[in-house]
C-alpha atoms as a PDB file:
ATOM      1  CA  MET A   1     169.059  58.751 -43.126  1.00  0.00           C
ATOM      2  CA  GLY A   2     170.711  61.781 -41.429  1.00  0.00           C
ATOM      3  CA  ILE A   3     169.176  64.218 -43.921  1.00  0.00           C
ATOM      4  CA  MET A   4     165.724  62.743 -43.340  1.00  0.00           C
ATOM      5  CA  ILE A   5     166.028  63.249 -39.567  1.00  0.00           C
ATOM      6  CA  GLY A   6     167.129  66.853 -40.156  1.00  0.00           C
ATOM      7  CA  VAL A   7     164.113  67.488 -42.388  1.00  0.00           C
ATOM      8  CA  ILE A   8     161.773  65.992 -39.789  1.00  0.00           C
ATOM      9  CA  VAL A   9     163.291  68.117 -37.003  1.00  0.00           C
ATOM     10  CA  LEU A  10     163.086  71.271 -39.141  1.00  0.00           C
ATOM     11  CA  ALA A  11     159.438  70.553 -39.998  1.00  0.00           C
ATOM     12  CA  ALA A  12     158.619  69.953 -36.318  1.00  0.00           C
ATOM     13  CA  VAL A  13     160.243  73.262 -35.331  1.00  0.00           C
ATOM     14  CA  GLY A  14     158.317  75.068 -38.076  1.00  0.00           C
ATOM     15  CA  VAL A  15     154.998  73.604 -36.972  1.00  0.00           C
ATOM     16  CA  SER A  16     155.798  74.503 -33.356  1.00  0.00           C
ATOM     17  CA  VAL A  17     156.562  78.157 -34.224  1.00  0.00           C
ATOM     18  CA  VAL A  18     153.339  78.475 -36.233  1.00  0.00           C
ATOM     19  CA  ALA A  19     151.347  76.938 -33.363  1.00  0.00           C
ATOM     20  CA  MET A  20     152.893  79.337 -30.813  1.00  0.00           C
ATOM     21  CA  ASN A  21     152.098  82.373 -32.983  1.00  0.00           C
ATOM     22  CA  LEU A  22     148.502  81.235 -33.576  1.00  0.00           C
ATOM     23  CA  SER A  23     148.089  80.685 -29.834  1.00  0.00           C
ATOM     24  CA  MET A  24     149.269  84.245 -29.074  1.00  0.00           C
ATOM     25  CA  LYS A  25     146.931  85.651 -31.741  1.00  0.00           C
ATOM     26  CA  LYS A  26     143.974  83.777 -30.183  1.00  0.00           C
ATOM     27  CA  LYS A  27     144.855  85.236 -26.761  1.00  0.00           C
ATOM     28  CA  GLY A  28     144.429  88.750 -28.162  1.00  0.00           C
ATOM     29  CA  TYR A  29     148.016  89.759 -28.891  1.00  0.00           C
ATOM     30  CA  ASP A  30     149.183  91.300 -32.160  1.00  0.00           C
ATOM     31  CA  ILE A  31     151.744  88.515 -32.575  1.00  0.00           C
ATOM     32  CA  PRO A  32     153.349  87.888 -34.975  1.00  0.00           C
ATOM     33  CA  GLY A  33     153.878  91.409 -36.190  1.00  0.00           C
ATOM     34  CA  ARG A  34     154.697  94.899 -35.009  1.00  0.00           C
ATOM     35  CA  SER A  35     153.357  94.602 -31.505  1.00  0.00           C
ATOM     36  CA  ILE A  36     152.857  97.218 -28.835  1.00  0.00           C
ATOM     37  CA  VAL A  37     155.039  96.379 -25.847  1.00  0.00           C
ATOM     38  CA  GLN A  38     155.763  97.967 -22.489  1.00  0.00           C
ATOM     39  CA  CYS A  39     159.189  98.145 -20.885  1.00  0.00           C
ATOM     40  CA  SER A  40     159.719  97.610 -17.164  1.00  0.00           C
ATOM     41  CA  GLN A  41     159.888 101.404 -16.694  1.00  0.00           C
ATOM     42  CA  GLY A  42     156.400 101.877 -18.212  1.00  0.00           C
ATOM     43  CA  HIS A  43     157.312 103.102 -21.708  1.00  0.00           C
ATOM     44  CA  TYR A  44     155.212 101.874 -24.646  1.00  0.00           C
ATOM     45  CA  PHE A  45     156.633 101.265 -28.112  1.00  0.00           C
ATOM     46  CA  ARG A  46     156.186  99.021 -31.142  1.00  0.00           C
ATOM     47  CA  THR A  47     158.616  96.289 -32.006  1.00  0.00           C
ATOM     48  CA  LEU A  48     158.648  93.207 -34.202  1.00  0.00           C
ATOM     49  CA  TRP A  49     157.545  90.237 -32.090  1.00  0.00           C
ATOM     50  CA  ILE A  50     157.522  86.724 -33.497  1.00  0.00           C
ATOM     51  CA  GLU A  51     157.084  83.856 -31.062  1.00  0.00           C
ATOM     52  CA  GLY A  52     159.854  81.329 -31.427  1.00  0.00           C
ATOM     53  CA  GLY A  53     162.483  83.742 -32.702  1.00  0.00           C
ATOM     54  CA  SER A  54     164.230  86.984 -31.931  1.00  0.00           C
ATOM     55  CA  LEU A  55     167.029  88.943 -33.568  1.00  0.00           C
ATOM     56  CA  LYS A  56     167.234  92.042 -31.370  1.00  0.00           C
ATOM     57  CA  ALA A  57     166.092  90.749 -27.980  1.00  0.00           C
ATOM     58  CA  VAL A  58     166.882  88.015 -25.500  1.00  0.00           C
ATOM     59  CA  ARG A  59     163.886  85.738 -25.051  1.00  0.00           C
ATOM     60  CA  LEU A  60     162.954  85.122 -21.425  1.00  0.00           C
ATOM     61  CA  GLY A  61     159.935  82.932 -22.064  1.00  0.00           C
ATOM     62  CA  PRO A  62     156.781  83.274 -24.139  1.00  0.00           C
ATOM     63  CA  MET A  63     155.730  86.646 -22.710  1.00  0.00           C
ATOM     64  CA  LYS A  64     158.971  88.395 -21.737  1.00  0.00           C
ATOM     65  CA  ARG A  65     162.082  89.595 -23.467  1.00  0.00           C
ATOM     66  CA  ALA A  66     165.071  91.732 -22.630  1.00  0.00           C
ATOM     67  CA  GLN A  67     165.413  94.441 -25.249  1.00  0.00           C
ATOM     68  CA  ARG A  68     166.675  97.997 -25.561  1.00  0.00           C
ATOM     69  CA  CYS A  69     163.940 100.522 -24.859  1.00  0.00           C
ATOM     70  CA  PRO A  70     163.996 103.380 -27.408  1.00  0.00           C
ATOM     71  CA  VAL A  71     162.791 105.850 -24.764  1.00  0.00           C
ATOM     72  CA  CYS A  72     165.228 105.305 -21.884  1.00  0.00           C
ATOM     73  CA  HIS A  73     167.927 103.731 -24.100  1.00  0.00           C
ATOM     74  CA  LYS A  74     168.588 100.886 -21.667  1.00  0.00           C
ATOM     75  CA  PHE A  75     168.022  97.152 -21.832  1.00  0.00           C
ATOM     76  CA  ARG A  76     164.743  96.460 -20.041  1.00  0.00           C
ATOM     77  CA  ILE A  77     162.299  93.590 -19.646  1.00  0.00           C
ATOM     78  CA  ILE A  78     159.484  94.075 -22.181  1.00  0.00           C
ATOM     79  CA  VAL A  79     156.082  92.428 -22.380  1.00  0.00           C
ATOM     80  CA  PRO A  80     153.451  92.565 -25.133  1.00  0.00           C
ATOM     81  CA  ILE A  81     150.210  94.427 -24.499  1.00  0.00           C
ATOM     82  CA  ALA A  82     147.002  92.638 -25.515  1.00  0.00           C
ATOM     83  CA  GLU A  83     144.859  94.496 -28.017  1.00  0.00           C
ATOM     84  CA  ALA A  84     141.983  94.691 -25.497  1.00  0.00           C
ATOM     85  CA  GLN A  85     144.240  96.597 -23.057  1.00  0.00           C
ATOM     86  CA  GLN A  86     145.430  99.163 -25.608  1.00  0.00           C
ATOM     87  CA  THR A  87     143.939 102.617 -25.195  1.00  0.00           C
ATOM     88  CA  ASP A  88     144.222 105.437 -27.734  1.00  0.00           C
ATOM     89  CA  GLU A  89     146.893 107.004 -25.508  1.00  0.00           C
ATOM     90  CA  ILE A  90     148.932 103.789 -25.410  1.00  0.00           C
ATOM     91  CA  ARG A  91     148.699 103.420 -29.198  1.00  0.00           C
ATOM     92  CA  ALA A  92     149.770 107.048 -29.721  1.00  0.00           C
ATOM     93  CA  GLU A  93     152.755 106.719 -27.348  1.00  0.00           C
ATOM     94  CA  ALA A  94     153.778 103.444 -28.951  1.00  0.00           C
ATOM     95  CA  GLN A  95     153.678 105.019 -32.409  1.00  0.00           C
ATOM     96  CA  ARG A  96     155.830 107.971 -31.272  1.00  0.00           C
ATOM     97  CA  ASN A  97     158.393 105.626 -29.711  1.00  0.00           C
ATOM     98  CA  SER A  98     158.370 103.006 -32.471  1.00  0.00           C
ATOM     99  CA  LEU A  99     161.643 101.260 -33.292  1.00  0.00           C
ATOM    100  CA  GLU A 100     160.661 100.785 -36.916  1.00  0.00           C
END
Protein backbone atom coordinates (compact mmCIF):
# COMPACT_ATOMS: atom_id res chain seq x y z
CA MET A 1 0.00 0.00 0.00
CA GLY A 2 2.84 2.43 0.90
CA ILE A 3 4.61 1.85 -2.42
CA MET A 4 1.40 2.53 -4.33
CA ILE A 5 0.93 5.88 -2.57
CA GLY A 6 4.55 6.79 -3.38
CA VAL A 7 4.01 5.96 -7.05
CA ILE A 8 0.84 8.06 -7.15
CA VAL A 9 2.59 11.02 -5.50
CA LEU A 10 5.56 10.74 -7.88
CA ALA A 11 3.23 10.60 -10.90
CA ALA A 12 1.31 13.64 -9.64
CA VAL A 13 4.55 15.61 -9.20
CA GLY A 14 5.67 14.62 -12.70
CA VAL A 15 2.40 15.71 -14.27
CA SER A 16 2.56 18.99 -12.33
CA VAL A 17 6.11 19.77 -13.56
CA VAL A 18 5.15 19.03 -17.17
CA ALA A 19 2.06 21.25 -16.85
CA MET A 20 4.11 24.14 -15.40
CA ASN A 21 6.67 23.92 -18.22
CA LEU A 22 3.96 23.80 -20.91
CA SER A 23 2.28 26.82 -19.32
CA MET A 24 5.54 28.82 -19.43
CA LYS A 25 6.10 27.81 -23.07
CA LYS A 26 2.58 29.01 -23.98
CA LYS A 27 3.28 32.37 -22.29
CA GLY A 28 6.21 32.93 -24.65
CA TYR A 29 9.17 31.87 -22.52
CA ASP A 30 11.92 29.52 -23.69
CA ILE A 31 11.23 27.22 -20.73
CA PRO A 32 12.26 24.49 -20.30
CA GLY A 33 15.67 24.97 -21.82
CA ARG A 34 18.56 27.39 -22.00
CA SER A 35 16.64 30.56 -21.36
CA ILE A 36 17.71 34.17 -21.57
CA VAL A 37 17.42 35.76 -18.13
CA GLN A 38 18.16 39.16 -16.65
CA CYS A 39 19.73 39.74 -13.26
CA SER A 40 18.58 42.50 -10.93
CA GLN A 41 21.55 44.63 -12.07
CA GLY A 42 20.43 44.45 -15.73
CA HIS A 43 22.86 41.83 -17.08
CA TYR A 44 21.54 39.30 -19.61
CA PHE A 45 22.78 35.72 -19.82
CA ARG A 46 21.58 32.22 -20.67
CA THR A 47 20.98 29.59 -18.05
CA LEU A 48 19.16 26.29 -17.81
CA TRP A 49 15.63 26.97 -16.56
CA ILE A 50 13.22 24.14 -15.84
CA GLU A 51 10.04 24.98 -13.95
CA GLY A 52 9.66 22.79 -10.91
CA GLY A 53 13.35 22.17 -10.34
CA SER A 54 16.66 23.89 -9.87
CA LEU A 55 20.19 22.71 -9.15
CA LYS A 56 22.16 25.96 -9.21
CA ALA A 57 19.58 28.52 -8.07
CA VAL A 58 17.17 29.15 -5.23
CA ARG A 59 13.61 29.22 -6.52
CA LEU A 60 11.63 32.24 -5.37
CA GLY A 61 8.41 31.45 -7.21
CA PRO A 62 7.53 30.65 -10.80
CA MET A 63 9.23 33.70 -12.32
CA LYS A 64 12.13 34.52 -9.98
CA ARG A 65 15.25 32.82 -8.76
CA ALA A 66 18.35 33.77 -6.83
CA GLN A 67 21.39 32.73 -8.82
CA ARG A 68 24.98 33.81 -9.35
CA CYS A 69 25.29 36.27 -12.21
CA PRO A 70 28.28 35.43 -14.45
CA VAL A 71 28.86 39.13 -15.18
CA CYS A 72 28.97 40.70 -11.71
CA HIS A 73 29.81 37.41 -9.95
CA LYS A 74 27.25 37.97 -7.19
CA PHE A 75 24.03 36.23 -6.25
CA ARG A 76 21.20 38.26 -7.77
CA ILE A 77 17.49 37.87 -8.41
CA ILE A 78 17.02 36.66 -12.01
CA VAL A 79 13.92 36.59 -14.17
CA PRO A 80 13.34 34.99 -17.57
CA ILE A 81 12.87 37.21 -20.61
CA ALA A 82 9.97 36.33 -22.92
CA GLU A 83 10.96 35.62 -26.51
CA ALA A 84 8.85 38.58 -27.73
CA GLN A 85 10.93 40.96 -25.57
CA GLN A 86 14.31 39.70 -26.79
CA THR A 87 16.11 42.04 -29.15
CA ASP A 88 19.19 41.13 -31.20
CA GLU A 89 21.29 43.07 -28.67
CA ILE A 90 19.83 41.14 -25.73
CA ARG A 91 20.44 37.82 -27.50
CA ALA A 92 24.04 38.79 -28.31
CA GLU A 93 24.77 39.89 -24.71
CA ALA A 94 23.17 36.75 -23.34
CA GLN A 95 25.31 34.58 -25.62
CA ARG A 96 28.51 36.37 -24.54
CA ASN A 97 27.63 35.95 -20.86
CA SER A 98 26.29 32.40 -21.11
CA LEU A 99 26.92 30.06 -18.18
CA GLU A 100 27.00 27.01 -20.43
